N, C-alpha and C. Protein backbone atom coordinates (compact mmCIF):
# COMPACT_ATOMS: atom_id res chain seq x y z
N MET A 1 -4.57 -47.49 -33.56
CA MET A 1 -5.35 -46.34 -33.94
C MET A 1 -6.01 -45.68 -32.72
N LYS A 2 -6.55 -46.53 -31.83
CA LYS A 2 -7.20 -46.01 -30.63
C LYS A 2 -6.20 -45.28 -29.76
N LYS A 3 -4.96 -45.78 -29.69
CA LYS A 3 -3.93 -45.13 -28.87
C LYS A 3 -3.59 -43.76 -29.43
N ILE A 4 -3.54 -43.65 -30.75
CA ILE A 4 -3.24 -42.36 -31.37
C ILE A 4 -4.36 -41.37 -31.09
N LEU A 5 -5.60 -41.79 -31.21
CA LEU A 5 -6.73 -40.92 -30.91
C LEU A 5 -6.74 -40.50 -29.46
N LEU A 6 -6.48 -41.45 -28.56
CA LEU A 6 -6.44 -41.14 -27.13
C LEU A 6 -5.31 -40.16 -26.83
N ALA A 7 -4.14 -40.38 -27.40
CA ALA A 7 -3.00 -39.48 -27.19
C ALA A 7 -3.32 -38.09 -27.72
N SER A 8 -3.97 -38.02 -28.88
CA SER A 8 -4.34 -36.73 -29.46
C SER A 8 -5.34 -36.01 -28.57
N PHE A 9 -6.31 -36.75 -28.04
CA PHE A 9 -7.32 -36.17 -27.16
C PHE A 9 -6.67 -35.61 -25.89
N VAL A 10 -5.76 -36.39 -25.30
CA VAL A 10 -5.07 -35.95 -24.09
C VAL A 10 -4.25 -34.69 -24.38
N MET A 11 -3.60 -34.64 -25.53
CA MET A 11 -2.78 -33.48 -25.88
C MET A 11 -3.67 -32.24 -26.06
N VAL A 12 -4.81 -32.38 -26.69
CA VAL A 12 -5.73 -31.26 -26.87
C VAL A 12 -6.23 -30.76 -25.51
N LEU A 13 -6.57 -31.67 -24.61
CA LEU A 13 -7.00 -31.26 -23.27
C LEU A 13 -5.89 -30.53 -22.54
N PHE A 14 -4.66 -31.03 -22.66
CA PHE A 14 -3.52 -30.39 -22.00
C PHE A 14 -3.32 -28.98 -22.54
N LEU A 15 -3.33 -28.83 -23.86
CA LEU A 15 -3.13 -27.51 -24.45
C LEU A 15 -4.27 -26.56 -24.09
N ALA A 16 -5.47 -27.07 -24.04
CA ALA A 16 -6.61 -26.23 -23.66
C ALA A 16 -6.49 -25.76 -22.21
N SER A 17 -6.03 -26.63 -21.33
CA SER A 17 -5.89 -26.23 -19.92
C SER A 17 -4.77 -25.22 -19.75
N CYS A 18 -3.73 -25.31 -20.56
CA CYS A 18 -2.61 -24.37 -20.46
C CYS A 18 -2.99 -22.98 -20.94
N SER A 19 -4.01 -22.87 -21.77
CA SER A 19 -4.40 -21.57 -22.28
C SER A 19 -5.56 -20.97 -21.49
N SER A 20 -5.95 -21.59 -20.39
CA SER A 20 -7.03 -21.06 -19.57
C SER A 20 -6.62 -19.73 -18.96
N PRO A 21 -7.59 -18.88 -18.65
CA PRO A 21 -7.25 -17.59 -18.03
C PRO A 21 -6.44 -17.75 -16.75
N GLU A 22 -6.77 -18.77 -15.94
CA GLU A 22 -6.04 -18.97 -14.69
C GLU A 22 -4.57 -19.27 -14.97
N HIS A 23 -4.30 -20.10 -15.97
CA HIS A 23 -2.92 -20.46 -16.29
C HIS A 23 -2.14 -19.24 -16.77
N LYS A 24 -2.79 -18.37 -17.53
CA LYS A 24 -2.12 -17.18 -18.05
C LYS A 24 -1.76 -16.19 -16.94
N LEU A 25 -2.40 -16.32 -15.78
CA LEU A 25 -2.12 -15.41 -14.67
C LEU A 25 -0.90 -15.82 -13.86
N ILE A 26 -0.46 -17.05 -14.01
CA ILE A 26 0.67 -17.54 -13.23
C ILE A 26 1.92 -16.73 -13.58
N GLY A 27 2.57 -16.22 -12.54
CA GLY A 27 3.77 -15.41 -12.72
C GLY A 27 3.81 -14.27 -11.72
N THR A 28 4.78 -13.40 -11.88
CA THR A 28 4.97 -12.26 -10.97
C THR A 28 4.35 -11.01 -11.58
N TRP A 29 3.56 -10.31 -10.78
CA TRP A 29 2.87 -9.10 -11.20
C TRP A 29 3.39 -7.92 -10.39
N LYS A 30 3.71 -6.83 -11.08
CA LYS A 30 4.20 -5.62 -10.42
C LYS A 30 3.41 -4.41 -10.89
N VAL A 31 3.46 -3.37 -10.09
CA VAL A 31 2.75 -2.14 -10.42
C VAL A 31 3.40 -1.50 -11.64
N ALA A 32 2.58 -1.24 -12.65
CA ALA A 32 3.06 -0.57 -13.86
C ALA A 32 2.72 0.91 -13.82
N LYS A 33 1.56 1.22 -13.21
CA LYS A 33 1.10 2.61 -13.20
C LYS A 33 0.12 2.79 -12.06
N VAL A 34 0.12 3.99 -11.49
CA VAL A 34 -0.85 4.35 -10.44
C VAL A 34 -1.50 5.66 -10.86
N ASP A 35 -2.83 5.64 -10.98
CA ASP A 35 -3.59 6.85 -11.30
C ASP A 35 -4.28 7.33 -10.03
N THR A 36 -4.21 8.62 -9.78
CA THR A 36 -4.91 9.21 -8.64
C THR A 36 -5.93 10.21 -9.16
N GLN A 37 -7.10 10.17 -8.57
CA GLN A 37 -8.16 11.13 -8.89
C GLN A 37 -8.73 11.62 -7.56
N PHE A 38 -8.14 12.67 -7.05
CA PHE A 38 -8.57 13.16 -5.75
C PHE A 38 -9.56 14.32 -5.85
N GLY A 39 -10.03 14.60 -7.05
CA GLY A 39 -11.08 15.59 -7.25
C GLY A 39 -10.73 16.95 -6.71
N LYS A 40 -11.64 17.50 -5.93
CA LYS A 40 -11.48 18.86 -5.42
C LYS A 40 -10.58 18.92 -4.19
N THR A 41 -10.18 17.75 -3.67
CA THR A 41 -9.32 17.73 -2.50
C THR A 41 -7.95 18.27 -2.87
N LYS A 42 -7.52 19.27 -2.20
CA LYS A 42 -6.22 19.87 -2.46
C LYS A 42 -5.18 19.21 -1.55
N LEU A 43 -4.49 18.23 -2.10
CA LEU A 43 -3.47 17.53 -1.33
C LEU A 43 -2.09 18.04 -1.73
N PRO A 44 -1.20 18.11 -0.76
CA PRO A 44 0.17 18.50 -1.09
C PRO A 44 0.79 17.47 -2.04
N PRO A 45 1.57 17.90 -3.01
CA PRO A 45 2.21 16.96 -3.94
C PRO A 45 3.02 15.87 -3.24
N GLU A 46 3.61 16.23 -2.09
CA GLU A 46 4.41 15.25 -1.35
C GLU A 46 3.54 14.10 -0.85
N LEU A 47 2.32 14.40 -0.45
CA LEU A 47 1.41 13.37 0.05
C LEU A 47 0.96 12.46 -1.10
N ILE A 48 0.68 13.05 -2.25
CA ILE A 48 0.30 12.25 -3.41
C ILE A 48 1.46 11.34 -3.81
N THR A 49 2.66 11.85 -3.80
CA THR A 49 3.85 11.04 -4.12
C THR A 49 3.99 9.90 -3.12
N HIS A 50 3.76 10.17 -1.86
CA HIS A 50 3.84 9.14 -0.82
C HIS A 50 2.79 8.05 -1.05
N ILE A 51 1.57 8.44 -1.39
CA ILE A 51 0.51 7.47 -1.65
C ILE A 51 0.87 6.59 -2.84
N VAL A 52 1.33 7.19 -3.92
CA VAL A 52 1.71 6.44 -5.12
C VAL A 52 2.88 5.51 -4.82
N ASP A 53 3.90 6.02 -4.12
CA ASP A 53 5.06 5.18 -3.80
C ASP A 53 4.71 4.01 -2.90
N SER A 54 3.77 4.20 -1.97
CA SER A 54 3.37 3.10 -1.10
C SER A 54 2.64 2.02 -1.89
N GLN A 55 1.90 2.40 -2.92
CA GLN A 55 1.23 1.41 -3.76
C GLN A 55 2.24 0.60 -4.57
N LYS A 56 3.31 1.23 -4.97
CA LYS A 56 4.34 0.56 -5.78
C LYS A 56 5.14 -0.48 -4.99
N LYS A 57 5.00 -0.48 -3.67
CA LYS A 57 5.71 -1.45 -2.84
C LYS A 57 5.05 -2.83 -2.86
N LEU A 58 3.81 -2.91 -3.36
CA LEU A 58 3.09 -4.18 -3.38
C LEU A 58 3.24 -4.84 -4.74
N SER A 59 3.64 -6.09 -4.72
CA SER A 59 3.64 -6.93 -5.91
C SER A 59 3.12 -8.29 -5.47
N PHE A 60 2.86 -9.16 -6.40
CA PHE A 60 2.39 -10.50 -6.03
C PHE A 60 2.80 -11.50 -7.09
N ARG A 61 2.86 -12.73 -6.65
CA ARG A 61 3.21 -13.84 -7.54
C ARG A 61 2.08 -14.86 -7.48
N ILE A 62 1.48 -15.12 -8.62
CA ILE A 62 0.46 -16.17 -8.69
C ILE A 62 1.21 -17.46 -8.97
N VAL A 63 1.14 -18.38 -8.01
CA VAL A 63 1.95 -19.60 -8.03
C VAL A 63 1.27 -20.69 -8.86
N ASN A 64 -0.02 -20.88 -8.66
CA ASN A 64 -0.77 -21.90 -9.39
C ASN A 64 -2.23 -21.46 -9.46
N ASP A 65 -3.13 -22.40 -9.70
CA ASP A 65 -4.54 -22.04 -9.89
C ASP A 65 -5.28 -21.71 -8.60
N SER A 66 -4.59 -21.68 -7.47
CA SER A 66 -5.29 -21.31 -6.23
C SER A 66 -4.43 -20.55 -5.22
N ILE A 67 -3.12 -20.50 -5.40
CA ILE A 67 -2.24 -19.85 -4.42
C ILE A 67 -1.56 -18.63 -5.03
N LEU A 68 -1.56 -17.54 -4.27
CA LEU A 68 -0.77 -16.37 -4.65
C LEU A 68 0.02 -15.93 -3.44
N VAL A 69 1.14 -15.31 -3.71
CA VAL A 69 2.00 -14.80 -2.64
C VAL A 69 2.11 -13.30 -2.84
N MET A 70 1.62 -12.54 -1.87
CA MET A 70 1.74 -11.09 -1.91
C MET A 70 3.09 -10.71 -1.33
N LEU A 71 3.70 -9.72 -1.96
CA LEU A 71 5.00 -9.25 -1.49
C LEU A 71 4.88 -7.77 -1.15
N LEU A 72 4.94 -7.47 0.12
CA LEU A 72 4.90 -6.09 0.58
C LEU A 72 6.27 -5.79 1.17
N ASP A 73 7.00 -4.91 0.52
CA ASP A 73 8.39 -4.65 0.90
C ASP A 73 9.18 -5.96 0.95
N LYS A 74 8.88 -6.85 0.02
CA LYS A 74 9.56 -8.14 -0.15
C LYS A 74 9.25 -9.14 0.96
N ASN A 75 8.28 -8.83 1.82
CA ASN A 75 7.83 -9.78 2.84
C ASN A 75 6.68 -10.60 2.25
N PRO A 76 6.83 -11.93 2.16
CA PRO A 76 5.80 -12.75 1.52
C PRO A 76 4.63 -13.07 2.45
N ILE A 77 3.41 -12.99 1.89
CA ILE A 77 2.19 -13.36 2.61
C ILE A 77 1.38 -14.23 1.65
N GLU A 78 1.12 -15.47 2.04
CA GLU A 78 0.41 -16.40 1.17
C GLU A 78 -1.10 -16.23 1.30
N ALA A 79 -1.78 -16.34 0.16
CA ALA A 79 -3.23 -16.24 0.12
C ALA A 79 -3.77 -17.20 -0.94
N HIS A 80 -5.08 -17.38 -0.91
CA HIS A 80 -5.77 -18.20 -1.90
C HIS A 80 -6.53 -17.26 -2.83
N TRP A 81 -6.54 -17.54 -4.12
CA TRP A 81 -7.19 -16.65 -5.06
C TRP A 81 -8.14 -17.42 -5.98
N LYS A 82 -9.03 -16.63 -6.63
CA LYS A 82 -9.99 -17.21 -7.55
C LYS A 82 -10.35 -16.16 -8.60
N LEU A 83 -10.49 -16.61 -9.85
CA LEU A 83 -10.92 -15.74 -10.94
C LEU A 83 -12.36 -16.06 -11.29
N ASP A 84 -13.22 -15.05 -11.30
CA ASP A 84 -14.59 -15.23 -11.76
C ASP A 84 -14.55 -15.05 -13.28
N ASN A 85 -14.74 -16.13 -14.02
CA ASN A 85 -14.62 -16.08 -15.47
C ASN A 85 -15.65 -15.17 -16.13
N LYS A 86 -16.77 -14.95 -15.50
CA LYS A 86 -17.81 -14.08 -16.07
C LYS A 86 -17.46 -12.60 -15.90
N THR A 87 -17.08 -12.21 -14.70
CA THR A 87 -16.81 -10.79 -14.42
C THR A 87 -15.33 -10.43 -14.56
N GLN A 88 -14.46 -11.45 -14.59
CA GLN A 88 -13.01 -11.27 -14.66
C GLN A 88 -12.44 -10.62 -13.38
N ILE A 89 -13.20 -10.71 -12.30
CA ILE A 89 -12.75 -10.18 -11.01
C ILE A 89 -11.93 -11.26 -10.30
N ILE A 90 -10.77 -10.86 -9.81
CA ILE A 90 -9.91 -11.77 -9.06
C ILE A 90 -10.05 -11.42 -7.58
N THR A 91 -10.41 -12.43 -6.79
CA THR A 91 -10.55 -12.25 -5.35
C THR A 91 -9.53 -13.12 -4.64
N TYR A 92 -9.29 -12.79 -3.37
CA TYR A 92 -8.35 -13.58 -2.57
C TYR A 92 -8.76 -13.52 -1.10
N TYR A 93 -8.26 -14.51 -0.36
CA TYR A 93 -8.45 -14.51 1.09
C TYR A 93 -7.24 -15.18 1.73
N PHE A 94 -7.00 -14.83 2.96
CA PHE A 94 -5.92 -15.43 3.73
C PHE A 94 -6.46 -16.63 4.49
N SER A 95 -5.63 -17.64 4.69
CA SER A 95 -6.06 -18.87 5.35
C SER A 95 -6.63 -18.60 6.74
N THR A 96 -6.12 -17.60 7.42
CA THR A 96 -6.58 -17.28 8.77
C THR A 96 -7.90 -16.49 8.77
N GLN A 97 -8.30 -15.98 7.59
CA GLN A 97 -9.52 -15.17 7.48
C GLN A 97 -10.32 -15.61 6.26
N LYS A 98 -10.74 -16.86 6.24
CA LYS A 98 -11.43 -17.41 5.07
C LYS A 98 -12.73 -16.69 4.75
N SER A 99 -13.38 -16.14 5.74
CA SER A 99 -14.66 -15.48 5.50
C SER A 99 -14.50 -14.05 4.98
N ARG A 100 -13.30 -13.51 5.02
CA ARG A 100 -13.06 -12.15 4.54
C ARG A 100 -12.42 -12.20 3.16
N VAL A 101 -13.24 -12.06 2.13
CA VAL A 101 -12.77 -12.13 0.75
C VAL A 101 -12.48 -10.70 0.27
N ASN A 102 -11.28 -10.52 -0.29
CA ASN A 102 -10.83 -9.23 -0.78
C ASN A 102 -10.77 -9.24 -2.31
N THR A 103 -10.86 -8.10 -2.92
CA THR A 103 -10.74 -7.99 -4.37
C THR A 103 -9.32 -7.58 -4.72
N LEU A 104 -8.67 -8.41 -5.53
CA LEU A 104 -7.33 -8.08 -6.03
C LEU A 104 -7.44 -7.12 -7.19
N GLY A 105 -8.42 -7.33 -8.04
CA GLY A 105 -8.62 -6.45 -9.19
C GLY A 105 -9.41 -7.13 -10.28
N VAL A 106 -9.49 -6.45 -11.41
CA VAL A 106 -10.21 -6.96 -12.57
C VAL A 106 -9.19 -7.22 -13.67
N LEU A 107 -9.27 -8.39 -14.27
CA LEU A 107 -8.40 -8.74 -15.38
C LEU A 107 -8.92 -8.06 -16.64
N LYS A 108 -8.10 -7.17 -17.20
CA LYS A 108 -8.46 -6.46 -18.43
C LYS A 108 -7.28 -6.57 -19.38
N GLY A 109 -7.41 -7.45 -20.36
CA GLY A 109 -6.32 -7.66 -21.31
C GLY A 109 -5.13 -8.26 -20.59
N ASP A 110 -4.00 -7.57 -20.65
CA ASP A 110 -2.79 -8.07 -20.00
C ASP A 110 -2.52 -7.37 -18.67
N GLU A 111 -3.53 -6.73 -18.11
CA GLU A 111 -3.38 -6.03 -16.83
C GLU A 111 -4.40 -6.53 -15.82
N ILE A 112 -4.04 -6.37 -14.55
CA ILE A 112 -4.98 -6.52 -13.46
C ILE A 112 -5.11 -5.11 -12.88
N ILE A 113 -6.33 -4.62 -12.84
CA ILE A 113 -6.55 -3.24 -12.39
C ILE A 113 -7.35 -3.26 -11.10
N ASN A 114 -6.79 -2.60 -10.09
CA ASN A 114 -7.45 -2.47 -8.80
C ASN A 114 -7.86 -1.02 -8.64
N GLU A 115 -9.15 -0.80 -8.50
CA GLU A 115 -9.65 0.56 -8.30
C GLU A 115 -10.23 0.67 -6.90
N THR A 116 -9.74 1.63 -6.15
CA THR A 116 -10.15 1.82 -4.76
C THR A 116 -10.75 3.21 -4.59
N LYS A 117 -11.93 3.26 -3.98
CA LYS A 117 -12.54 4.53 -3.63
C LYS A 117 -12.27 4.77 -2.16
N MET A 118 -11.83 5.97 -1.85
CA MET A 118 -11.57 6.34 -0.47
C MET A 118 -12.06 7.76 -0.24
N PRO A 119 -12.05 8.21 0.99
CA PRO A 119 -12.58 9.55 1.26
C PRO A 119 -11.89 10.66 0.43
N LEU A 120 -10.62 10.47 0.10
CA LEU A 120 -9.90 11.49 -0.66
C LEU A 120 -10.26 11.47 -2.15
N GLY A 121 -10.71 10.33 -2.64
CA GLY A 121 -11.01 10.20 -4.07
C GLY A 121 -10.78 8.76 -4.53
N LYS A 122 -10.30 8.61 -5.77
CA LYS A 122 -10.07 7.28 -6.34
C LYS A 122 -8.58 7.03 -6.56
N LEU A 123 -8.24 5.76 -6.43
CA LEU A 123 -6.87 5.31 -6.68
C LEU A 123 -6.98 4.10 -7.59
N LYS A 124 -6.31 4.13 -8.73
CA LYS A 124 -6.36 3.02 -9.67
C LYS A 124 -4.93 2.52 -9.89
N VAL A 125 -4.73 1.24 -9.54
CA VAL A 125 -3.40 0.63 -9.65
C VAL A 125 -3.44 -0.40 -10.78
N HIS A 126 -2.51 -0.27 -11.71
CA HIS A 126 -2.40 -1.18 -12.85
C HIS A 126 -1.22 -2.13 -12.61
N TYR A 127 -1.49 -3.43 -12.58
CA TYR A 127 -0.45 -4.45 -12.43
C TYR A 127 -0.22 -5.11 -13.78
N GLN A 128 1.05 -5.36 -14.10
CA GLN A 128 1.40 -6.09 -15.30
C GLN A 128 2.32 -7.23 -14.95
N LYS A 129 2.16 -8.30 -15.71
CA LYS A 129 2.97 -9.50 -15.48
C LYS A 129 4.39 -9.24 -15.98
N GLN A 130 5.35 -9.63 -15.17
CA GLN A 130 6.76 -9.43 -15.52
C GLN A 130 7.32 -10.61 -16.27
C-alpha cells in the first residue's frame, strides 16, 4: 500500500512539473507578427519593410529550464534564461556577459511579446511556439 501511495505521489509531482510555465516554453519560437508604431515620423515604406524583415530573422529555441539558443540568420547563440512567475517577464543573459540581463519579452497566453521603444517609435514583436 505504501508503495502505491509513493508511486502515486511521484507521478503527481512529475505531472505537476511538466505543466509548469517553464516546461510549456520549451520548444522553437518564431516571429508570428511585427507591429510598428512610428507615430508622426514619416518613414519610407521600404525602411519600415526592412525593419520588419530584420525582426523576422530572429527565432529562438528554449532547450530546458535554463538554456535557450537564439538563432539569427540560423547562426546559434546560447544564452541562459529565466521566467519571473509574478510578472511573466522572460529575461536572458549570455555566459560572457552575466551582469547584462536582457528582456526577451512577456509571456501572454501562447505568445511571447517583446516591445521595444526607440527614437522612431515602438516596435512590438509577437513570437509563437512552432
